[in-house]
C-alpha atoms as a PDB file:
ATOM      1  CA  MET A   1       1.167-131.229 101.779  1.00  0.00           C
ATOM      2  CA  ASN A   2      -1.201-131.519 104.619  1.00  0.00           C
ATOM      3  CA  ASN A   3      -0.932-134.227 107.120  1.00  0.00           C
ATOM      4  CA  ILE A   4      -3.768-135.737 108.152  1.00  0.00           C
ATOM      5  CA  ASP A   5      -4.315-136.688 112.068  1.00  0.00           C
ATOM      6  CA  PHE A   6      -5.023-140.487 112.497  1.00  0.00           C
ATOM      7  CA  THR A   7      -5.589-140.083 116.144  1.00  0.00           C
ATOM      8  CA  PRO A   8      -9.283-140.502 116.234  1.00  0.00           C
ATOM      9  CA  LEU A   9      -9.047-143.262 114.283  1.00  0.00           C
ATOM     10  CA  TYR A  10      -6.737-144.783 116.784  1.00  0.00           C
ATOM     11  CA  ARG A  11      -9.000-144.182 119.471  1.00  0.00           C
ATOM     12  CA  SER A  12     -11.761-146.861 118.192  1.00  0.00           C
ATOM     13  CA  THR A  13      -9.793-149.535 116.445  1.00  0.00           C
ATOM     14  CA  ILE A  14      -7.139-152.020 117.091  1.00  0.00           C
ATOM     15  CA  GLY A  15      -4.561-153.719 114.368  1.00  0.00           C
ATOM     16  CA  PHE A  16      -4.906-151.225 111.573  1.00  0.00           C
ATOM     17  CA  ASP A  17      -1.554-149.463 112.525  1.00  0.00           C
ATOM     18  CA  ARG A  18      -0.534-149.540 108.708  1.00  0.00           C
ATOM     19  CA  LEU A  19      -3.704-148.156 107.332  1.00  0.00           C
ATOM     20  CA  ALA A  20      -1.813-144.342 108.295  1.00  0.00           C
ATOM     21  CA  SER A  21       0.935-145.047 105.940  1.00  0.00           C
ATOM     22  CA  MET A  22      -0.635-146.647 103.339  1.00  0.00           C
ATOM     23  CA  LEU A  23      -2.942-143.662 102.639  1.00  0.00           C
ATOM     24  CA  ASP A  24      -0.123-141.495 103.406  1.00  0.00           C
ATOM     25  CA  ASN A  25       2.040-143.619 100.497  1.00  0.00           C
ATOM     26  CA  ALA A  26      -0.856-143.374  98.275  1.00  0.00           C
ATOM     27  CA  MET A  27      -1.685-139.288  98.551  1.00  0.00           C
ATOM     28  CA  ARG A  28       2.519-139.474  97.396  1.00  0.00           C
ATOM     29  CA  SER A  29       2.450-141.736  94.441  1.00  0.00           C
ATOM     30  CA  GLU A  30      -0.891-140.799  93.212  1.00  0.00           C
ATOM     31  CA  VAL A  31       0.683-137.259  91.839  1.00  0.00           C
ATOM     32  CA  SER A  32      -0.777-137.267  89.029  1.00  0.00           C
ATOM     33  CA  PRO A  33      -4.580-139.314  89.161  1.00  0.00           C
ATOM     34  CA  GLY A  34      -5.401-139.336  85.395  1.00  0.00           C
ATOM     35  CA  GLY A  35      -1.557-141.535  85.047  1.00  0.00           C
ATOM     36  CA  TYR A  36      -0.762-144.481  82.330  1.00  0.00           C
ATOM     37  CA  PRO A  37      -2.429-146.550  81.740  1.00  0.00           C
ATOM     38  CA  PRO A  38      -5.593-145.381  82.816  1.00  0.00           C
ATOM     39  CA  TYR A  39      -7.645-147.655  84.467  1.00  0.00           C
ATOM     40  CA  ASN A  40     -11.113-148.668  86.509  1.00  0.00           C
ATOM     41  CA  ILE A  41     -11.875-150.799  89.660  1.00  0.00           C
ATOM     42  CA  GLU A  42     -14.954-152.553  89.810  1.00  0.00           C
ATOM     43  CA  VAL A  43     -16.967-154.133  92.365  1.00  0.00           C
ATOM     44  CA  LEU A  44     -18.284-157.528  90.377  1.00  0.00           C
ATOM     45  CA  GLU A  45     -20.517-159.251  93.804  1.00  0.00           C
ATOM     46  CA  ASP A  46     -19.731-159.003  97.485  1.00  0.00           C
ATOM     47  CA  ASP A  47     -15.849-159.867  97.295  1.00  0.00           C
ATOM     48  CA  HIS A  48     -15.378-160.215  94.224  1.00  0.00           C
ATOM     49  CA  TYR A  49     -13.822-157.084  92.109  1.00  0.00           C
ATOM     50  CA  SER A  50     -11.723-156.592  89.063  1.00  0.00           C
ATOM     51  CA  ILE A  51      -9.051-153.875  87.722  1.00  0.00           C
ATOM     52  CA  THR A  52      -9.379-153.162  83.788  1.00  0.00           C
ATOM     53  CA  LEU A  53      -6.302-151.481  82.428  1.00  0.00           C
ATOM     54  CA  ALA A  54      -6.237-150.315  78.888  1.00  0.00           C
ATOM     55  CA  VAL A  55      -2.666-151.165  77.699  1.00  0.00           C
ATOM     56  CA  ALA A  56      -3.426-151.003  73.335  1.00  0.00           C
ATOM     57  CA  GLY A  57      -0.543-152.248  71.587  1.00  0.00           C
ATOM     58  CA  PHE A  58       1.086-154.861  74.562  1.00  0.00           C
ATOM     59  CA  GLU A  59       1.071-158.053  74.177  1.00  0.00           C
ATOM     60  CA  LYS A  60       0.842-161.014  76.899  1.00  0.00           C
ATOM     61  CA  ASP A  61       4.224-161.190  77.232  1.00  0.00           C
ATOM     62  CA  ASP A  62       4.767-157.185  77.525  1.00  0.00           C
ATOM     63  CA  VAL A  63       3.052-157.156  80.791  1.00  0.00           C
ATOM     64  CA  ASP A  64       4.221-158.734  84.284  1.00  0.00           C
ATOM     65  CA  ILE A  65       1.285-158.843  86.841  1.00  0.00           C
ATOM     66  CA  ASP A  66       3.241-159.450  90.533  1.00  0.00           C
ATOM     67  CA  VAL A  67       1.515-159.715  94.488  1.00  0.00           C
ATOM     68  CA  GLU A  68       3.675-159.092  97.106  1.00  0.00           C
ATOM     69  CA  LYS A  69       3.509-158.116 100.599  1.00  0.00           C
ATOM     70  CA  GLY A  70      -0.133-156.788  99.538  1.00  0.00           C
ATOM     71  CA  VAL A  71       0.878-154.493  97.105  1.00  0.00           C
ATOM     72  CA  LEU A  72      -0.562-155.430  93.428  1.00  0.00           C
ATOM     73  CA  THR A  73       2.349-154.170  90.936  1.00  0.00           C
ATOM     74  CA  VAL A  74       1.362-154.138  87.058  1.00  0.00           C
ATOM     75  CA  ARG A  75       4.446-153.653  84.843  1.00  0.00           C
ATOM     76  CA  GLY A  76       4.591-152.769  80.996  1.00  0.00           C
ATOM     77  CA  ARG A  77       7.778-153.030  78.831  1.00  0.00           C
ATOM     78  CA  LYS A  78       7.335-152.722  75.113  1.00  0.00           C
ATOM     79  CA  GLY A  79      10.633-153.194  73.044  1.00  0.00           C
ATOM     80  CA  GLU A  80      11.299-150.073  70.333  1.00  0.00           C
ATOM     81  CA  ASP A  81       9.588-150.615  67.306  1.00  0.00           C
ATOM     82  CA  LYS A  82      12.743-149.564  64.818  1.00  0.00           C
ATOM     83  CA  GLU A  83      10.983-150.835  61.641  1.00  0.00           C
ATOM     84  CA  ARG A  84       8.287-148.106  61.837  1.00  0.00           C
ATOM     85  CA  ASN A  85       9.504-144.227  60.894  1.00  0.00           C
ATOM     86  CA  TYR A  86       6.407-142.430  63.189  1.00  0.00           C
ATOM     87  CA  LEU A  87       5.169-139.017  61.358  1.00  0.00           C
ATOM     88  CA  TYR A  88       3.128-138.934  64.398  1.00  0.00           C
ATOM     89  CA  GLN A  89       2.744-141.307  67.472  1.00  0.00           C
ATOM     90  CA  GLY A  90       0.139-140.533  69.614  1.00  0.00           C
ATOM     91  CA  ILE A  91      -0.400-143.968  71.111  1.00  0.00           C
ATOM     92  CA  ALA A  92       1.446-144.336  74.916  1.00  0.00           C
ATOM     93  CA  ASN A  93       3.519-147.548  74.285  1.00  0.00           C
ATOM     94  CA  ARG A  94       5.850-146.391  76.657  1.00  0.00           C
ATOM     95  CA  ALA A  95       6.740-148.589  79.846  1.00  0.00           C
ATOM     96  CA  PHE A  96       4.610-148.050  82.855  1.00  0.00           C
ATOM     97  CA  GLU A  97       4.355-149.149  86.169  1.00  0.00           C
ATOM     98  CA  ARG A  98       0.849-148.960  88.649  1.00  0.00           C
ATOM     99  CA  LYS A  99       0.789-150.022  92.006  1.00  0.00           C
ATOM    100  CA  PHE A 100      -2.569-151.167  93.852  1.00  0.00           C
ATOM    101  CA  ASN A 101      -2.273-151.819  97.576  1.00  0.00           C
ATOM    102  CA  LEU A 102      -4.868-154.811  98.640  1.00  0.00           C
ATOM    103  CA  ALA A 103      -6.724-155.281 101.450  1.00  0.00           C
ATOM    104  CA  ASP A 104      -5.918-158.416 103.944  1.00  0.00           C
ATOM    105  CA  HIS A 105      -7.122-161.488 102.246  1.00  0.00           C
ATOM    106  CA  VAL A 106      -7.839-160.126  98.886  1.00  0.00           C
ATOM    107  CA  GLU A 107      -6.512-162.560  96.480  1.00  0.00           C
ATOM    108  CA  VAL A 108      -5.830-161.975  92.513  1.00  0.00           C
ATOM    109  CA  THR A 109      -7.531-165.153  91.045  1.00  0.00           C
ATOM    110  CA  GLY A 110      -6.962-164.497  87.403  1.00  0.00           C
ATOM    111  CA  ALA A 111      -6.223-161.960  84.485  1.00  0.00           C
ATOM    112  CA  ARG A 112      -6.846-161.427  80.947  1.00  0.00           C
ATOM    113  CA  LEU A 113      -5.966-159.424  78.100  1.00  0.00           C
ATOM    114  CA  ASN A 114      -8.917-158.561  75.535  1.00  0.00           C
ATOM    115  CA  HIS A 115      -8.958-156.221  72.802  1.00  0.00           C
ATOM    116  CA  GLY A 116      -6.108-154.191  74.521  1.00  0.00           C
ATOM    117  CA  LEU A 117      -7.571-154.343  77.889  1.00  0.00           C
ATOM    118  CA  LEU A 118      -5.835-156.064  81.073  1.00  0.00           C
ATOM    119  CA  THR A 119      -8.296-157.236  83.265  1.00  0.00           C
ATOM    120  CA  ILE A 120      -7.197-158.874  86.691  1.00  0.00           C
ATOM    121  CA  GLU A 121     -10.222-160.576  88.791  1.00  0.00           C
ATOM    122  CA  LEU A 122      -9.475-160.290  92.678  1.00  0.00           C
ATOM    123  CA  VAL A 123     -11.769-162.297  95.313  1.00  0.00           C
ATOM    124  CA  LYS A 124     -11.579-161.288  99.238  1.00  0.00           C
ATOM    125  CA  GLU A 125     -11.614-164.599 101.315  1.00  0.00           C
ATOM    126  CA  ILE A 126     -11.520-164.615 104.827  1.00  0.00           C
ATOM    127  CA  PRO A 127     -10.802-167.355 106.532  1.00  0.00           C
ATOM    128  CA  GLU A 128     -13.185-169.102 109.231  1.00  0.00           C
ATOM    129  CA  ALA A 129     -10.884-168.733 111.712  1.00  0.00           C
ATOM    130  CA  MET A 130     -11.626-164.929 111.001  1.00  0.00           C
ATOM    131  CA  LYS A 131     -15.418-165.019 110.445  1.00  0.00           C
ATOM    132  CA  PRO A 132     -17.280-163.599 112.976  1.00  0.00           C
ATOM    133  CA  LYS A 133     -18.502-165.944 115.950  1.00  0.00           C
ATOM    134  CA  LYS A 134     -20.566-166.120 119.080  1.00  0.00           C
ATOM    135  CA  ILE A 135     -18.551-165.670 122.518  1.00  0.00           C
ATOM    136  CA  ALA A 136     -20.478-167.217 125.299  1.00  0.00           C
ATOM    137  CA  ILE A 137     -20.154-165.672 128.681  1.00  0.00           C
ATOM    138  CA  GLN A 138     -19.751-167.479 131.658  1.00  0.00           C
ATOM    139  CA  GLN A 139     -20.976-166.733 134.947  1.00  0.00           C
ATOM    140  CA  GLY A 140     -18.429-165.642 137.411  1.00  0.00           C
ATOM    141  CA  THR A 141     -14.954-166.751 136.851  1.00  0.00           C
ATOM    142  CA  GLN A 142     -15.252-170.737 137.773  1.00  0.00           C
ATOM    143  CA  ALA A 143     -15.691-171.716 134.145  1.00  0.00           C
ATOM    144  CA  ILE A 144     -12.255-169.816 133.046  1.00  0.00           C
ATOM    145  CA  GLU A 145     -10.108-171.894 136.146  1.00  0.00           C
ATOM    146  CA  HIS A 146     -11.797-174.505 134.698  1.00  0.00           C
ATOM    147  CA  LYS A 147      -9.876-174.433 131.708  1.00  0.00           C
ATOM    148  CA  LYS A 148      -6.920-173.419 132.978  1.00  0.00           C
ATOM    149  CA  THR A 149      -6.726-176.751 135.652  1.00  0.00           C
ATOM    150  CA  GLU A 150      -7.840-178.414 132.495  1.00  0.00           C
ATOM    151  CA  ASP A 151      -5.093-177.015 130.107  1.00  0.00           C
ATOM    152  CA  LYS A 152      -2.623-178.025 132.586  1.00  0.00           C
ATOM    153  CA  ALA A 153      -3.515-181.175 132.985  1.00  0.00           C
ATOM    154  CA  SER A 154      -3.477-182.186 129.229  1.00  0.00           C
ATOM    155  CA  LYS A 155       0.341-180.481 128.926  1.00  0.00           C
ATOM    156  CA  ALA A 156       1.506-183.061 131.657  1.00  0.00           C
ATOM    157  CA  ALA A 157       0.270-185.259 129.713  1.00  0.00           C
END
């Protein structure tokens, strides 16, 4: 397997340390891109997404959806149907686990199972504190020293 050199990326970015490990994990875990169950990832509109998995034969109680530390995990477990004696079984009802790495501030807002398709809805909600803001530029160091003096006075009070 080829290693990718992320050095150029680190020269111009700050705080994306986990990006290299996420890409490395994705390359290792996605051994067979056409794995089970098949899925789609769709952009619905700005900051709204959906993931649809084809889970034919699974009921709502057979599927678990968890989000932990930025990873969305979908698991399906189906009990064996001992009442049926298949001559040929082409519909895969086997257990599965599918993981999706979520970007910062992406939250799962809901999930529904309809006609064998499990659709998980996601939205990216950037907190107000993280949105772009304009920074005023002061002339000289007067304003900065003044703030430090005010901070010390307010802490003493």
